[in-house]
Amino acid sequence: MAKRAFDIGVAMAALLVLSPILAAVAIWIKLDSPGPALFRQERVGLGGRCFQILKFRTMRQDSQTYGSLITVGEDARITRAGSFLRRYKLDELPQFFNVLRGEMSVVGPRPEVSRYVALYSSDVKNIVLSVRPGITDPGSLAFREESSLLAKAPDPESHYINVVVPIKLAHSIQYVRTRNLWSDIQIIGRTLAAIFRG
């Protein structure tokens, strides 16, 4: 209950304070390339239930019809505005609405698409999907430069599945087992520091 109250408080405060930035980003995206300002994608959340995650659109409108589910290096599908938004993680801001709707938490294991969740073992699923997924977590901090890292791999998707995902899941399991309000505050602080460093 305390965590949910914390999530709602943080999400409401963030949306209130950042509302001018949200509006400006939405207008920029619309002016930069054809298509909607928001991008929706099905992810797996608490208890294995699927939901539509919200992000600012950073790729061309038709990017879902071709290419990989993961973004690698200077992906040609990324728009000019999208490159900036991704660098400073501004594309993730609409997920505060997911938090208010109860689909996500501010801090928690990052939600994956069902294609990758299907590869988890039953034990891992039981642990990782026992909590709401988050906007940020230790795994996403550890792989802040994930796109650049994958660009160096001969087979980016194979590297993601066999190397990156297991490490992220280890972070997620550790988080679930030791989580508390103070650790969430620390992770939020680390996330903000990483964003300001660019």
C-alpha atoms as a PDB file:
ATOM      1  CA  MET A   1       0.000   0.000   0.000  1.00  0.00           C
ATOM      2  CA  ALA A   2       2.837   2.391   0.849  1.00  0.00           C
ATOM      3  CA  LYS A   3       4.553   1.699  -2.463  1.00  0.00           C
ATOM      4  CA  ARG A   4       1.342   2.264  -4.430  1.00  0.00           C
ATOM      5  CA  ALA A   5       0.704   5.537  -2.603  1.00  0.00           C
ATOM      6  CA  PHE A   6       4.306   6.558  -3.303  1.00  0.00           C
ATOM      7  CA  ASP A   7       3.893   5.692  -6.990  1.00  0.00           C
ATOM      8  CA  ILE A   8       0.701   7.719  -7.329  1.00  0.00           C
ATOM      9  CA  GLY A   9       2.237  10.700  -5.550  1.00  0.00           C
ATOM     10  CA  VAL A  10       5.388  10.671  -7.674  1.00  0.00           C
ATOM     11  CA  ALA A  11       3.452  10.168 -10.928  1.00  0.00           C
ATOM     12  CA  MET A  12       0.989  12.974 -10.214  1.00  0.00           C
ATOM     13  CA  ALA A  13       3.747  15.358  -9.182  1.00  0.00           C
ATOM     14  CA  ALA A  14       5.860  14.469 -12.228  1.00  0.00           C
ATOM     15  CA  LEU A  15       2.972  14.936 -14.674  1.00  0.00           C
ATOM     16  CA  LEU A  16       2.009  18.244 -13.073  1.00  0.00           C
ATOM     17  CA  VAL A  17       5.541  19.664 -13.085  1.00  0.00           C
ATOM     18  CA  LEU A  18       6.461  18.264 -16.490  1.00  0.00           C
ATOM     19  CA  SER A  19       3.193  19.060 -18.289  1.00  0.00           C
ATOM     20  CA  PRO A  20       4.726  21.957 -20.305  1.00  0.00           C
ATOM     21  CA  ILE A  21       7.576  19.682 -21.408  1.00  0.00           C
ATOM     22  CA  LEU A  22       5.155  16.893 -22.315  1.00  0.00           C
ATOM     23  CA  ALA A  23       3.141  19.279 -24.477  1.00  0.00           C
ATOM     24  CA  ALA A  24       6.267  20.710 -26.145  1.00  0.00           C
ATOM     25  CA  VAL A  25       7.660  17.244 -26.889  1.00  0.00           C
ATOM     26  CA  ALA A  26       4.351  16.099 -28.383  1.00  0.00           C
ATOM     27  CA  ILE A  27       4.260  19.128 -30.698  1.00  0.00           C
ATOM     28  CA  TRP A  28       7.914  18.595 -31.685  1.00  0.00           C
ATOM     29  CA  ILE A  29       7.283  14.957 -32.601  1.00  0.00           C
ATOM     30  CA  LYS A  30       4.280  15.914 -34.740  1.00  0.00           C
ATOM     31  CA  LEU A  31       6.276  18.585 -36.564  1.00  0.00           C
ATOM     32  CA  ASP A  32       9.341  16.375 -36.999  1.00  0.00           C
ATOM     33  CA  SER A  33       7.699  13.403 -38.737  1.00  0.00           C
ATOM     34  CA  PRO A  34       4.250  12.127 -39.785  1.00  0.00           C
ATOM     35  CA  GLY A  35       2.357  10.081 -37.233  1.00  0.00           C
ATOM     36  CA  PRO A  36       1.021  10.236 -33.669  1.00  0.00           C
ATOM     37  CA  ALA A  37       3.004  11.703 -30.777  1.00  0.00           C
ATOM     38  CA  LEU A  38       2.515   8.586 -28.657  1.00  0.00           C
ATOM     39  CA  PHE A  39       3.702   5.064 -29.325  1.00  0.00           C
ATOM     40  CA  ARG A  40       1.870   2.100 -27.794  1.00  0.00           C
ATOM     41  CA  GLN A  41       3.230  -1.413 -27.507  1.00  0.00           C
ATOM     42  CA  GLU A  42       1.950  -4.502 -25.715  1.00  0.00           C
ATOM     43  CA  ARG A  43       4.121  -5.524 -22.778  1.00  0.00           C
ATOM     44  CA  VAL A  44       3.779  -8.172 -20.080  1.00  0.00           C
ATOM     45  CA  GLY A  45       3.072  -6.873 -16.605  1.00  0.00           C
ATOM     46  CA  LEU A  46       2.014  -7.964 -13.131  1.00  0.00           C
ATOM     47  CA  GLY A  47       0.881 -11.578 -13.016  1.00  0.00           C
ATOM     48  CA  GLY A  48       1.592 -12.053 -16.716  1.00  0.00           C
ATOM     49  CA  ARG A  49      -1.202  -9.685 -17.745  1.00  0.00           C
ATOM     50  CA  CYS A  50      -0.540  -7.689 -20.914  1.00  0.00           C
ATOM     51  CA  PHE A  51      -0.970  -3.923 -21.119  1.00  0.00           C
ATOM     52  CA  GLN A  52      -0.236  -1.104 -23.550  1.00  0.00           C
ATOM     53  CA  ILE A  53       2.920   0.744 -22.527  1.00  0.00           C
ATOM     54  CA  LEU A  54       3.009   4.426 -23.494  1.00  0.00           C
ATOM     55  CA  LYS A  55       6.032   6.193 -24.915  1.00  0.00           C
ATOM     56  CA  PHE A  56       6.684   9.240 -27.012  1.00  0.00           C
ATOM     57  CA  ARG A  57       7.184   8.036 -30.574  1.00  0.00           C
ATOM     58  CA  THR A  58      10.877   8.075 -31.500  1.00  0.00           C
ATOM     59  CA  MET A  59      10.729   6.088 -34.742  1.00  0.00           C
ATOM     60  CA  ARG A  60       9.023   6.468 -38.081  1.00  0.00           C
ATOM     61  CA  GLN A  61       5.347   5.576 -37.966  1.00  0.00           C
ATOM     62  CA  ASP A  62       5.822   2.362 -39.984  1.00  0.00           C
ATOM     63  CA  SER A  63       8.767   1.078 -37.938  1.00  0.00           C
ATOM     64  CA  GLN A  64       6.684  -1.747 -36.425  1.00  0.00           C
ATOM     65  CA  THR A  65       6.204  -3.338 -39.842  1.00  0.00           C
ATOM     66  CA  TYR A  66       9.873  -4.079 -40.372  1.00  0.00           C
ATOM     67  CA  GLY A  67      13.073  -4.417 -38.423  1.00  0.00           C
ATOM     68  CA  SER A  68      13.834  -5.914 -35.036  1.00  0.00           C
ATOM     69  CA  LEU A  69      11.963  -5.440 -31.760  1.00  0.00           C
ATOM     70  CA  ILE A  70      15.186  -4.098 -30.299  1.00  0.00           C
ATOM     71  CA  THR A  71      16.921  -0.866 -31.259  1.00  0.00           C
ATOM     72  CA  VAL A  72      20.530  -1.157 -32.349  1.00  0.00           C
ATOM     73  CA  GLY A  73      22.972   1.749 -32.553  1.00  0.00           C
ATOM     74  CA  GLU A  74      22.021   4.496 -34.979  1.00  0.00           C
ATOM     75  CA  ASP A  75      18.873   2.693 -36.115  1.00  0.00           C
ATOM     76  CA  ALA A  76      17.673   4.215 -39.383  1.00  0.00           C
ATOM     77  CA  ARG A  77      14.098   4.087 -38.097  1.00  0.00           C
ATOM     78  CA  ILE A  78      14.812   6.671 -35.373  1.00  0.00           C
ATOM     79  CA  THR A  79      13.633  10.202 -36.164  1.00  0.00           C
ATOM     80  CA  ARG A  80      15.631  13.370 -35.500  1.00  0.00           C
ATOM     81  CA  ALA A  81      13.484  14.219 -32.499  1.00  0.00           C
ATOM     82  CA  GLY A  82      13.591  10.585 -31.398  1.00  0.00           C
ATOM     83  CA  SER A  83      17.370  10.557 -31.174  1.00  0.00           C
ATOM     84  CA  PHE A  84      17.312  13.411 -28.647  1.00  0.00           C
ATOM     85  CA  LEU A  85      14.381  11.979 -26.699  1.00  0.00           C
ATOM     86  CA  ARG A  86      16.079   8.601 -26.388  1.00  0.00           C
ATOM     87  CA  ARG A  87      19.363  10.117 -25.252  1.00  0.00           C
ATOM     88  CA  TYR A  88      17.709  11.882 -22.312  1.00  0.00           C
ATOM     89  CA  LYS A  89      15.017   9.198 -21.754  1.00  0.00           C
ATOM     90  CA  LEU A  90      12.267  11.748 -22.380  1.00  0.00           C
ATOM     91  CA  ASP A  91      10.421   9.165 -24.459  1.00  0.00           C
ATOM     92  CA  GLU A  92       9.637   7.283 -21.231  1.00  0.00           C
ATOM     93  CA  LEU A  93       7.739  10.156 -19.569  1.00  0.00           C
ATOM     94  CA  PRO A  94       4.231   9.088 -20.727  1.00  0.00           C
ATOM     95  CA  GLN A  95       4.661   5.950 -18.625  1.00  0.00           C
ATOM     96  CA  PHE A  96       3.663   8.024 -15.600  1.00  0.00           C
ATOM     97  CA  PHE A  97       0.130   7.603 -17.001  1.00  0.00           C
ATOM     98  CA  ASN A  98       0.695   3.817 -16.908  1.00  0.00           C
ATOM     99  CA  VAL A  99       1.643   4.252 -13.248  1.00  0.00           C
ATOM    100  CA  LEU A 100      -1.561   6.143 -12.467  1.00  0.00           C
ATOM    101  CA  ARG A 101      -3.588   3.435 -14.211  1.00  0.00           C
ATOM    102  CA  GLY A 102      -1.999   0.809 -11.960  1.00  0.00           C
ATOM    103  CA  GLU A 103      -0.214  -0.985 -14.796  1.00  0.00           C
ATOM    104  CA  MET A 104       3.273   0.095 -13.764  1.00  0.00           C
ATOM    105  CA  SER A 105       5.293   1.327 -10.828  1.00  0.00           C
ATOM    106  CA  VAL A 106       7.886   4.098 -10.828  1.00  0.00           C
ATOM    107  CA  VAL A 107      10.545   1.526  -9.914  1.00  0.00           C
ATOM    108  CA  GLY A 108      10.324  -2.126 -10.888  1.00  0.00           C
ATOM    109  CA  PRO A 109      11.594  -4.629 -13.446  1.00  0.00           C
ATOM    110  CA  ARG A 110      11.316  -3.166 -16.944  1.00  0.00           C
ATOM    111  CA  PRO A 111       8.400  -4.788 -18.826  1.00  0.00           C
ATOM    112  CA  GLU A 112       9.228  -6.922 -21.854  1.00  0.00           C
ATOM    113  CA  VAL A 113       7.301  -7.968 -24.943  1.00  0.00           C
ATOM    114  CA  SER A 114       5.695 -11.404 -24.755  1.00  0.00           C
ATOM    115  CA  ARG A 115       8.159 -12.828 -27.296  1.00  0.00           C
ATOM    116  CA  TYR A 116      11.011 -12.476 -24.826  1.00  0.00           C
ATOM    117  CA  VAL A 117       9.001 -13.241 -21.682  1.00  0.00           C
ATOM    118  CA  ALA A 118       8.133 -16.607 -23.260  1.00  0.00           C
ATOM    119  CA  LEU A 119      11.835 -17.481 -22.963  1.00  0.00           C
ATOM    120  CA  TYR A 120      11.903 -17.010 -19.173  1.00  0.00           C
ATOM    121  CA  SER A 121      11.961 -20.068 -16.953  1.00  0.00           C
ATOM    122  CA  SER A 122       8.893 -20.649 -14.772  1.00  0.00           C
ATOM    123  CA  ASP A 123      10.814 -19.711 -11.617  1.00  0.00           C
ATOM    124  CA  VAL A 124      12.011 -16.444 -13.128  1.00  0.00           C
ATOM    125  CA  LYS A 125       8.513 -15.573 -14.359  1.00  0.00           C
ATOM    126  CA  ASN A 126       7.052 -16.226 -10.912  1.00  0.00           C
ATOM    127  CA  ILE A 127       9.493 -13.794  -9.331  1.00  0.00           C
ATOM    128  CA  VAL A 128       9.796 -11.029 -11.927  1.00  0.00           C
ATOM    129  CA  LEU A 129       6.083 -10.893 -12.750  1.00  0.00           C
ATOM    130  CA  SER A 130       5.064 -10.887  -9.076  1.00  0.00           C
ATOM    131  CA  VAL A 131       5.441  -7.079  -8.954  1.00  0.00           C
ATOM    132  CA  ARG A 132       4.374  -4.226 -11.200  1.00  0.00           C
ATOM    133  CA  PRO A 133       6.931  -3.418 -13.893  1.00  0.00           C
ATOM    134  CA  GLY A 134       8.665  -0.071 -13.569  1.00  0.00           C
ATOM    135  CA  ILE A 135       9.776   2.994 -15.482  1.00  0.00           C
ATOM    136  CA  THR A 136      13.274   2.457 -14.139  1.00  0.00           C
ATOM    137  CA  ASP A 137      15.192  -0.307 -12.373  1.00  0.00           C
ATOM    138  CA  PRO A 138      18.774  -1.418 -11.679  1.00  0.00           C
ATOM    139  CA  GLY A 139      18.899  -3.410 -14.927  1.00  0.00           C
ATOM    140  CA  SER A 140      18.048  -0.435 -17.111  1.00  0.00           C
ATOM    141  CA  LEU A 141      20.667   1.626 -15.271  1.00  0.00           C
ATOM    142  CA  ALA A 142      23.274  -1.075 -15.860  1.00  0.00           C
ATOM    143  CA  PHE A 143      22.426  -1.119 -19.579  1.00  0.00           C
ATOM    144  CA  ARG A 144      21.890   2.577 -20.177  1.00  0.00           C
ATOM    145  CA  GLU A 145      24.020   2.290 -23.342  1.00  0.00           C
ATOM    146  CA  GLU A 146      22.305  -0.908 -24.446  1.00  0.00           C
ATOM    147  CA  SER A 147      21.686   0.223 -28.025  1.00  0.00           C
ATOM    148  CA  SER A 148      25.366   1.057 -28.601  1.00  0.00           C
ATOM    149  CA  LEU A 149      26.417  -2.210 -26.957  1.00  0.00           C
ATOM    150  CA  LEU A 150      24.142  -4.260 -29.205  1.00  0.00           C
ATOM    151  CA  ALA A 151      25.473  -2.450 -32.282  1.00  0.00           C
ATOM    152  CA  LYS A 152      28.876  -4.029 -31.628  1.00  0.00           C
ATOM    153  CA  ALA A 153      27.484  -7.580 -31.542  1.00  0.00           C
ATOM    154  CA  PRO A 154      27.602  -9.765 -34.696  1.00  0.00           C
ATOM    155  CA  ASP A 155      24.003 -10.829 -34.022  1.00  0.00           C
ATOM    156  CA  PRO A 156      22.336  -8.117 -31.873  1.00  0.00           C
ATOM    157  CA  GLU A 157      19.126 -10.011 -31.091  1.00  0.00           C
ATOM    158  CA  SER A 158      20.984 -13.184 -30.134  1.00  0.00           C
ATOM    159  CA  HIS A 159      23.292 -11.133 -27.914  1.00  0.00           C
ATOM    160  CA  TYR A 160      20.275  -9.452 -26.336  1.00  0.00           C
ATOM    161  CA  ILE A 161      18.544 -12.759 -25.601  1.00  0.00           C
ATOM    162  CA  ASN A 162      21.574 -14.728 -24.453  1.00  0.00           C
ATOM    163  CA  VAL A 163      23.664 -12.068 -22.696  1.00  0.00           C
ATOM    164  CA  VAL A 164      21.701  -8.906 -21.885  1.00  0.00           C
ATOM    165  CA  VAL A 165      18.381 -10.431 -20.807  1.00  0.00           C
ATOM    166  CA  PRO A 166      19.907 -12.898 -18.282  1.00  0.00           C
ATOM    167  CA  ILE A 167      21.865 -10.071 -16.628  1.00  0.00           C
ATOM    168  CA  LYS A 168      18.797  -7.834 -16.536  1.00  0.00           C
ATOM    169  CA  LEU A 169      16.753 -10.657 -15.024  1.00  0.00           C
ATOM    170  CA  ALA A 170      19.386 -11.196 -12.339  1.00  0.00           C
ATOM    171  CA  HIS A 171      19.060  -7.501 -11.448  1.00  0.00           C
ATOM    172  CA  SER A 172      15.265  -7.818 -11.455  1.00  0.00           C
ATOM    173  CA  ILE A 173      15.264 -10.860  -9.173  1.00  0.00           C
ATOM    174  CA  GLN A 174      17.625  -9.141  -6.749  1.00  0.00           C
ATOM    175  CA  TYR A 175      15.392  -6.059  -6.775  1.00  0.00           C
ATOM    176  CA  VAL A 176      12.201  -8.035  -6.106  1.00  0.00           C
ATOM    177  CA  ARG A 177      13.803  -9.914  -3.220  1.00  0.00           C
ATOM    178  CA  THR A 178      15.241  -6.839  -1.493  1.00  0.00           C
ATOM    179  CA  ARG A 179      12.960  -3.986  -2.548  1.00  0.00           C
ATOM    180  CA  ASN A 180      11.802  -1.346  -0.128  1.00  0.00           C
ATOM    181  CA  LEU A 181      10.809   2.319  -0.310  1.00  0.00           C
ATOM    182  CA  TRP A 182      14.300   3.556   0.474  1.00  0.00           C
ATOM    183  CA  SER A 183      15.867   1.459  -2.295  1.00  0.00           C
ATOM    184  CA  ASP A 184      13.239   2.815  -4.727  1.00  0.00           C
ATOM    185  CA  ILE A 185      14.193   6.381  -3.788  1.00  0.00           C
ATOM    186  CA  GLN A 186      17.867   5.554  -4.320  1.00  0.00           C
ATOM    187  CA  ILE A 187      17.158   4.060  -7.763  1.00  0.00           C
ATOM    188  CA  ILE A 188      15.145   7.153  -8.732  1.00  0.00           C
ATOM    189  CA  GLY A 189      18.065   9.321  -7.628  1.00  0.00           C
ATOM    190  CA  ARG A 190      20.530   7.269  -9.667  1.00  0.00           C
ATOM    191  CA  THR A 191      18.220   7.455 -12.673  1.00  0.00           C
ATOM    192  CA  LEU A 192      17.934  11.251 -12.478  1.00  0.00           C
ATOM    193  CA  ALA A 193      21.707  11.563 -12.112  1.00  0.00           C
ATOM    194  CA  ALA A 194      22.245   9.384 -15.202  1.00  0.00           C
ATOM    195  CA  ILE A 195      19.742  11.460 -17.208  1.00  0.00           C
ATOM    196  CA  PHE A 196      21.379  14.759 -16.276  1.00  0.00           C
ATOM    197  CA  ARG A 197      24.773  13.351 -17.264  1.00  0.00           C
ATOM    198  CA  GLY A 198      23.241  12.659 -20.675  1.00  0.00           C
END
